[in-house]
Amino acid sequence: MMDGMTLDTGLNDAVQRYCAALHFGDGAALEALCDARFLMHWVGKNDIAQAIDKAAFTARVGARAAFPGEPVFEVLSVDVDGEIAQVKLNVTVPPRVYTDQLGFFRVGDEWRLVTKLFRVGSGPAMEV
């Protein structure tokens, strides 16, 4: 379900590249997709807000082995307003399913990932 909206071709491509990069442990693909000022945020142990920057995020993903099969994700909602977009999705990164809220800027013809908020939707709690 996408709140009555469809992803434009460029934003759809960015979301698919994001999910494939997570699934296949492709830090270089995330490096290309994420804006230089990218930040990832989540609530960690003891309800303490956590954040990491682009370098830490891409290194973390790039250090993982690829998962078998194809990426599994579901776009839940899309909100596009000119050059900004918010995409909410569930994405499977075994053994967890994450709910991600991704914030994008369109710079020229390219959508750049600027922010990621996430929580574990199902699976074991994160130890980060």
N, C-alpha and C. Protein backbone atom coordinates (compact mmCIF):
# COMPACT_ATOMS: atom_id res chain seq x y z
N MET A 1 0.85 -1.17 0.00
CA MET A 1 0.00 0.00 0.00
C MET A 1 0.89 1.24 0.00
N MET A 2 0.51 2.25 -0.79
CA MET A 2 1.38 3.40 -0.92
C MET A 2 0.63 4.72 -0.80
N ASP A 3 -0.35 4.80 0.09
CA ASP A 3 -1.07 6.05 0.32
C ASP A 3 -1.59 6.67 -0.97
N GLY A 4 -2.03 5.85 -1.92
CA GLY A 4 -2.57 6.36 -3.16
C GLY A 4 -1.53 6.94 -4.10
N MET A 5 -0.26 6.80 -3.80
CA MET A 5 0.78 7.36 -4.65
C MET A 5 1.63 6.22 -5.21
N THR A 6 2.27 6.51 -6.29
CA THR A 6 3.22 5.56 -6.84
C THR A 6 4.60 6.20 -6.81
N LEU A 7 5.59 5.38 -6.70
CA LEU A 7 6.97 5.86 -6.74
C LEU A 7 7.31 6.28 -8.16
N ASP A 8 7.92 7.45 -8.33
CA ASP A 8 8.40 7.77 -9.67
C ASP A 8 9.57 6.85 -9.98
N THR A 9 9.95 6.79 -11.24
CA THR A 9 10.97 5.84 -11.68
C THR A 9 12.27 5.99 -10.90
N GLY A 10 12.73 7.22 -10.71
CA GLY A 10 13.99 7.45 -10.01
C GLY A 10 13.92 7.07 -8.55
N LEU A 11 12.82 7.41 -7.88
CA LEU A 11 12.67 7.08 -6.46
C LEU A 11 12.51 5.57 -6.30
N ASN A 12 11.75 4.94 -7.18
CA ASN A 12 11.61 3.48 -7.15
C ASN A 12 12.98 2.81 -7.30
N ASP A 13 13.78 3.31 -8.22
CA ASP A 13 15.13 2.77 -8.43
C ASP A 13 15.97 2.93 -7.17
N ALA A 14 15.89 4.09 -6.53
CA ALA A 14 16.67 4.34 -5.31
C ALA A 14 16.26 3.38 -4.19
N VAL A 15 14.96 3.17 -4.02
CA VAL A 15 14.47 2.25 -2.98
C VAL A 15 14.93 0.82 -3.29
N GLN A 16 14.84 0.40 -4.53
CA GLN A 16 15.28 -0.94 -4.89
C GLN A 16 16.79 -1.11 -4.69
N ARG A 17 17.57 -0.09 -5.05
CA ARG A 17 19.03 -0.16 -4.83
C ARG A 17 19.35 -0.23 -3.34
N TYR A 18 18.62 0.52 -2.52
CA TYR A 18 18.80 0.49 -1.07
C TYR A 18 18.55 -0.92 -0.54
N CYS A 19 17.42 -1.51 -0.90
CA CYS A 19 17.07 -2.84 -0.40
C CYS A 19 18.05 -3.90 -0.90
N ALA A 20 18.47 -3.80 -2.15
CA ALA A 20 19.45 -4.75 -2.69
C ALA A 20 20.79 -4.60 -1.97
N ALA A 21 21.20 -3.38 -1.70
CA ALA A 21 22.47 -3.16 -1.00
C ALA A 21 22.45 -3.78 0.40
N LEU A 22 21.34 -3.61 1.11
CA LEU A 22 21.23 -4.24 2.43
C LEU A 22 21.29 -5.76 2.31
N HIS A 23 20.55 -6.31 1.36
CA HIS A 23 20.46 -7.76 1.20
C HIS A 23 21.79 -8.38 0.79
N PHE A 24 22.50 -7.73 -0.11
CA PHE A 24 23.73 -8.30 -0.64
C PHE A 24 24.99 -7.78 0.05
N GLY A 25 24.84 -6.99 1.12
CA GLY A 25 26.00 -6.49 1.85
C GLY A 25 26.87 -5.58 0.99
N ASP A 26 26.25 -4.73 0.20
CA ASP A 26 26.96 -3.90 -0.77
C ASP A 26 27.14 -2.47 -0.25
N GLY A 27 28.19 -2.28 0.51
CA GLY A 27 28.49 -0.96 1.06
C GLY A 27 28.77 0.07 -0.01
N ALA A 28 29.38 -0.34 -1.12
CA ALA A 28 29.68 0.59 -2.21
C ALA A 28 28.40 1.14 -2.84
N ALA A 29 27.38 0.31 -2.97
CA ALA A 29 26.10 0.78 -3.52
C ALA A 29 25.47 1.80 -2.60
N LEU A 30 25.58 1.57 -1.29
CA LEU A 30 25.04 2.56 -0.34
C LEU A 30 25.87 3.83 -0.35
N GLU A 31 27.16 3.69 -0.52
CA GLU A 31 28.04 4.86 -0.63
C GLU A 31 27.57 5.75 -1.77
N ALA A 32 27.20 5.16 -2.89
CA ALA A 32 26.74 5.92 -4.06
C ALA A 32 25.36 6.52 -3.84
N LEU A 33 24.49 5.84 -3.08
CA LEU A 33 23.11 6.28 -2.88
C LEU A 33 22.97 7.35 -1.80
N CYS A 34 23.77 7.26 -0.75
CA CYS A 34 23.62 8.14 0.41
C CYS A 34 24.29 9.49 0.19
N ASP A 35 23.62 10.52 0.63
CA ASP A 35 24.19 11.86 0.64
C ASP A 35 25.36 11.91 1.61
N ALA A 36 26.28 12.81 1.40
CA ALA A 36 27.45 12.94 2.28
C ALA A 36 27.04 13.20 3.73
N ARG A 37 25.89 13.83 3.94
CA ARG A 37 25.43 14.17 5.30
C ARG A 37 24.45 13.14 5.86
N PHE A 38 24.37 11.96 5.24
CA PHE A 38 23.47 10.90 5.69
C PHE A 38 23.67 10.58 7.17
N LEU A 39 22.56 10.34 7.87
CA LEU A 39 22.57 9.85 9.24
C LEU A 39 21.50 8.78 9.40
N MET A 40 21.82 7.74 10.17
CA MET A 40 20.87 6.68 10.52
C MET A 40 20.60 6.78 12.01
N HIS A 41 19.31 6.72 12.39
CA HIS A 41 18.91 6.88 13.79
C HIS A 41 18.04 5.70 14.23
N TRP A 42 18.17 5.33 15.50
CA TRP A 42 17.31 4.31 16.10
C TRP A 42 17.34 4.48 17.61
N VAL A 43 16.40 3.84 18.28
CA VAL A 43 16.37 3.83 19.74
C VAL A 43 17.01 2.53 20.19
N GLY A 44 18.11 2.64 20.93
CA GLY A 44 18.85 1.48 21.36
C GLY A 44 18.46 1.01 22.76
N LYS A 45 19.37 0.24 23.33
CA LYS A 45 19.16 -0.28 24.69
C LYS A 45 18.89 0.87 25.65
N ASN A 46 18.08 0.58 26.66
CA ASN A 46 17.74 1.55 27.69
C ASN A 46 17.09 2.80 27.12
N ASP A 47 16.43 2.66 25.97
CA ASP A 47 15.72 3.77 25.34
C ASP A 47 16.60 4.98 25.07
N ILE A 48 17.82 4.71 24.64
CA ILE A 48 18.76 5.79 24.32
C ILE A 48 18.83 5.95 22.81
N ALA A 49 18.60 7.17 22.33
CA ALA A 49 18.68 7.45 20.90
C ALA A 49 20.11 7.24 20.42
N GLN A 50 20.23 6.57 19.27
CA GLN A 50 21.52 6.27 18.67
C GLN A 50 21.56 6.83 17.26
N ALA A 51 22.75 7.11 16.77
CA ALA A 51 22.91 7.57 15.39
C ALA A 51 24.31 7.21 14.89
N ILE A 52 24.39 6.91 13.60
CA ILE A 52 25.68 6.73 12.96
C ILE A 52 25.67 7.47 11.62
N ASP A 53 26.85 7.80 11.16
CA ASP A 53 26.98 8.55 9.91
C ASP A 53 27.13 7.61 8.72
N LYS A 54 27.28 8.21 7.55
CA LYS A 54 27.38 7.46 6.30
C LYS A 54 28.53 6.46 6.32
N ALA A 55 29.71 6.89 6.76
CA ALA A 55 30.87 6.00 6.75
C ALA A 55 30.64 4.77 7.61
N ALA A 56 30.09 4.95 8.80
CA ALA A 56 29.83 3.82 9.70
C ALA A 56 28.75 2.90 9.14
N PHE A 57 27.71 3.49 8.55
CA PHE A 57 26.61 2.71 7.98
C PHE A 57 27.09 1.86 6.80
N THR A 58 27.80 2.49 5.87
CA THR A 58 28.25 1.74 4.70
C THR A 58 29.28 0.68 5.07
N ALA A 59 30.13 0.98 6.06
CA ALA A 59 31.10 -0.02 6.52
C ALA A 59 30.40 -1.20 7.18
N ARG A 60 29.39 -0.91 7.99
CA ARG A 60 28.64 -1.97 8.68
C ARG A 60 27.97 -2.89 7.67
N VAL A 61 27.29 -2.32 6.70
CA VAL A 61 26.61 -3.14 5.69
C VAL A 61 27.63 -3.87 4.83
N GLY A 62 28.70 -3.19 4.43
CA GLY A 62 29.71 -3.79 3.57
C GLY A 62 30.47 -4.93 4.22
N ALA A 63 30.45 -5.01 5.54
CA ALA A 63 31.15 -6.08 6.26
C ALA A 63 30.33 -7.37 6.34
N ARG A 64 29.07 -7.31 5.95
CA ARG A 64 28.20 -8.49 6.01
C ARG A 64 28.30 -9.31 4.75
N ALA A 65 28.08 -10.60 4.90
CA ALA A 65 27.96 -11.48 3.74
C ALA A 65 26.57 -11.29 3.12
N ALA A 66 26.47 -11.57 1.85
CA ALA A 66 25.18 -11.50 1.17
C ALA A 66 24.26 -12.58 1.69
N PHE A 67 22.97 -12.29 1.70
CA PHE A 67 21.97 -13.28 2.06
C PHE A 67 21.55 -14.00 0.77
N PRO A 68 21.12 -15.25 0.88
CA PRO A 68 20.70 -15.97 -0.33
C PRO A 68 19.38 -15.40 -0.88
N GLY A 69 19.14 -15.66 -2.14
CA GLY A 69 17.89 -15.25 -2.76
C GLY A 69 17.89 -13.78 -3.11
N GLU A 70 16.70 -13.28 -3.34
CA GLU A 70 16.50 -11.88 -3.73
C GLU A 70 16.01 -11.06 -2.54
N PRO A 71 16.22 -9.75 -2.58
CA PRO A 71 15.75 -8.88 -1.49
C PRO A 71 14.23 -9.00 -1.30
N VAL A 72 13.82 -8.93 -0.04
CA VAL A 72 12.40 -8.96 0.31
C VAL A 72 12.07 -7.66 1.02
N PHE A 73 11.15 -6.89 0.43
CA PHE A 73 10.73 -5.63 1.06
C PHE A 73 9.32 -5.29 0.60
N GLU A 74 8.67 -4.44 1.38
CA GLU A 74 7.32 -3.97 1.07
C GLU A 74 7.25 -2.49 1.36
N VAL A 75 6.94 -1.71 0.35
CA VAL A 75 6.74 -0.27 0.54
C VAL A 75 5.38 -0.06 1.18
N LEU A 76 5.37 0.61 2.32
CA LEU A 76 4.14 0.85 3.06
C LEU A 76 3.50 2.19 2.75
N SER A 77 4.34 3.20 2.56
CA SER A 77 3.80 4.52 2.22
C SER A 77 4.87 5.36 1.54
N VAL A 78 4.40 6.32 0.76
CA VAL A 78 5.27 7.23 0.04
C VAL A 78 4.67 8.63 0.15
N ASP A 79 5.50 9.60 0.46
CA ASP A 79 5.07 10.99 0.48
C ASP A 79 6.12 11.80 -0.28
N VAL A 80 5.75 12.29 -1.45
CA VAL A 80 6.66 13.08 -2.28
C VAL A 80 6.12 14.50 -2.36
N ASP A 81 6.98 15.45 -2.12
CA ASP A 81 6.62 16.87 -2.22
C ASP A 81 7.77 17.59 -2.92
N GLY A 82 7.65 17.68 -4.24
CA GLY A 82 8.70 18.33 -5.03
C GLY A 82 10.00 17.56 -4.95
N GLU A 83 11.01 18.18 -4.36
CA GLU A 83 12.34 17.57 -4.31
C GLU A 83 12.60 16.78 -3.03
N ILE A 84 11.58 16.57 -2.20
CA ILE A 84 11.77 15.74 -1.00
C ILE A 84 10.80 14.57 -1.02
N ALA A 85 11.22 13.47 -0.40
CA ALA A 85 10.36 12.29 -0.33
C ALA A 85 10.62 11.54 0.96
N GLN A 86 9.56 10.95 1.50
CA GLN A 86 9.63 10.08 2.67
C GLN A 86 9.05 8.74 2.25
N VAL A 87 9.81 7.66 2.44
CA VAL A 87 9.36 6.32 2.07
C VAL A 87 9.43 5.44 3.31
N LYS A 88 8.31 4.82 3.64
CA LYS A 88 8.25 3.88 4.76
C LYS A 88 8.14 2.49 4.17
N LEU A 89 9.00 1.57 4.65
CA LEU A 89 8.97 0.21 4.13
C LEU A 89 9.37 -0.78 5.20
N ASN A 90 8.97 -2.01 4.99
CA ASN A 90 9.48 -3.14 5.76
C ASN A 90 10.50 -3.83 4.87
N VAL A 91 11.66 -4.10 5.42
CA VAL A 91 12.72 -4.74 4.64
C VAL A 91 13.29 -5.89 5.48
N THR A 92 13.43 -7.05 4.85
CA THR A 92 13.95 -8.23 5.54
C THR A 92 15.47 -8.26 5.42
N VAL A 93 16.12 -8.31 6.59
CA VAL A 93 17.56 -8.52 6.69
C VAL A 93 17.71 -9.61 7.75
N PRO A 94 17.72 -10.87 7.29
CA PRO A 94 17.66 -12.00 8.23
C PRO A 94 18.64 -11.86 9.40
N PRO A 95 18.21 -12.15 10.61
CA PRO A 95 16.94 -12.77 10.99
C PRO A 95 15.86 -11.76 11.38
N ARG A 96 15.96 -10.53 10.90
CA ARG A 96 15.02 -9.49 11.30
C ARG A 96 14.25 -8.93 10.11
N VAL A 97 13.11 -8.35 10.43
CA VAL A 97 12.39 -7.50 9.50
C VAL A 97 12.38 -6.12 10.13
N TYR A 98 12.91 -5.15 9.41
CA TYR A 98 13.00 -3.78 9.90
C TYR A 98 11.89 -2.94 9.29
N THR A 99 11.41 -1.99 10.06
CA THR A 99 10.58 -0.92 9.52
C THR A 99 11.49 0.28 9.40
N ASP A 100 11.67 0.73 8.17
CA ASP A 100 12.54 1.86 7.87
C ASP A 100 11.70 3.04 7.39
N GLN A 101 12.09 4.22 7.80
CA GLN A 101 11.55 5.45 7.24
C GLN A 101 12.73 6.18 6.62
N LEU A 102 12.71 6.26 5.31
CA LEU A 102 13.82 6.81 4.55
C LEU A 102 13.47 8.21 4.05
N GLY A 103 14.37 9.15 4.26
CA GLY A 103 14.19 10.50 3.76
C GLY A 103 15.13 10.75 2.60
N PHE A 104 14.58 11.21 1.48
CA PHE A 104 15.35 11.45 0.26
C PHE A 104 15.24 12.91 -0.16
N PHE A 105 16.30 13.42 -0.80
CA PHE A 105 16.29 14.68 -1.55
C PHE A 105 16.50 14.33 -3.01
N ARG A 106 15.80 15.04 -3.89
CA ARG A 106 16.11 14.90 -5.31
C ARG A 106 17.04 16.06 -5.68
N VAL A 107 18.22 15.70 -6.13
CA VAL A 107 19.21 16.68 -6.56
C VAL A 107 19.39 16.46 -8.05
N GLY A 108 18.90 17.41 -8.85
CA GLY A 108 18.89 17.21 -10.30
C GLY A 108 17.94 16.08 -10.62
N ASP A 109 18.44 15.06 -11.29
CA ASP A 109 17.62 13.90 -11.64
C ASP A 109 17.84 12.72 -10.71
N GLU A 110 18.54 12.92 -9.60
CA GLU A 110 18.94 11.81 -8.74
C GLU A 110 18.35 11.95 -7.34
N TRP A 111 17.79 10.85 -6.84
CA TRP A 111 17.32 10.81 -5.45
C TRP A 111 18.47 10.36 -4.56
N ARG A 112 18.76 11.13 -3.52
CA ARG A 112 19.85 10.86 -2.57
C ARG A 112 19.24 10.54 -1.21
N LEU A 113 19.67 9.46 -0.58
CA LEU A 113 19.22 9.09 0.75
C LEU A 113 19.92 9.97 1.78
N VAL A 114 19.13 10.69 2.56
CA VAL A 114 19.67 11.65 3.52
C VAL A 114 19.54 11.16 4.96
N THR A 115 18.43 10.48 5.24
CA THR A 115 18.21 10.03 6.62
C THR A 115 17.46 8.70 6.63
N LYS A 116 17.76 7.94 7.66
CA LYS A 116 17.09 6.65 7.87
C LYS A 116 16.74 6.57 9.35
N LEU A 117 15.46 6.38 9.63
CA LEU A 117 14.98 6.04 10.97
C LEU A 117 14.53 4.59 10.89
N PHE A 118 14.86 3.78 11.88
CA PHE A 118 14.42 2.40 11.78
C PHE A 118 14.12 1.83 13.15
N ARG A 119 13.37 0.72 13.10
CA ARG A 119 13.13 -0.10 14.30
C ARG A 119 13.04 -1.54 13.84
N VAL A 120 13.28 -2.46 14.76
CA VAL A 120 13.12 -3.88 14.46
C VAL A 120 11.63 -4.18 14.54
N GLY A 121 11.05 -4.57 13.40
CA GLY A 121 9.64 -4.90 13.36
C GLY A 121 9.38 -6.31 13.88
N SER A 122 10.28 -7.24 13.53
CA SER A 122 10.20 -8.60 14.06
C SER A 122 11.59 -9.22 14.02
N GLY A 123 11.79 -10.17 14.90
CA GLY A 123 13.10 -10.81 15.01
C GLY A 123 13.77 -10.40 16.30
N PRO A 124 14.99 -10.89 16.53
CA PRO A 124 15.69 -10.58 17.78
C PRO A 124 16.05 -9.11 17.88
N ALA A 125 16.08 -8.62 19.09
CA ALA A 125 16.47 -7.22 19.33
C ALA A 125 17.91 -7.02 18.89
N MET A 126 18.22 -5.81 18.49
CA MET A 126 19.59 -5.49 18.10
C MET A 126 20.44 -5.25 19.34
N GLU A 127 21.69 -5.60 19.26
CA GLU A 127 22.62 -5.42 20.37
C GLU A 127 23.50 -4.18 20.19
N VAL A 128 23.14 -3.30 19.27
CA VAL A 128 23.98 -2.14 18.96
C VAL A 128 23.69 -1.00 19.91
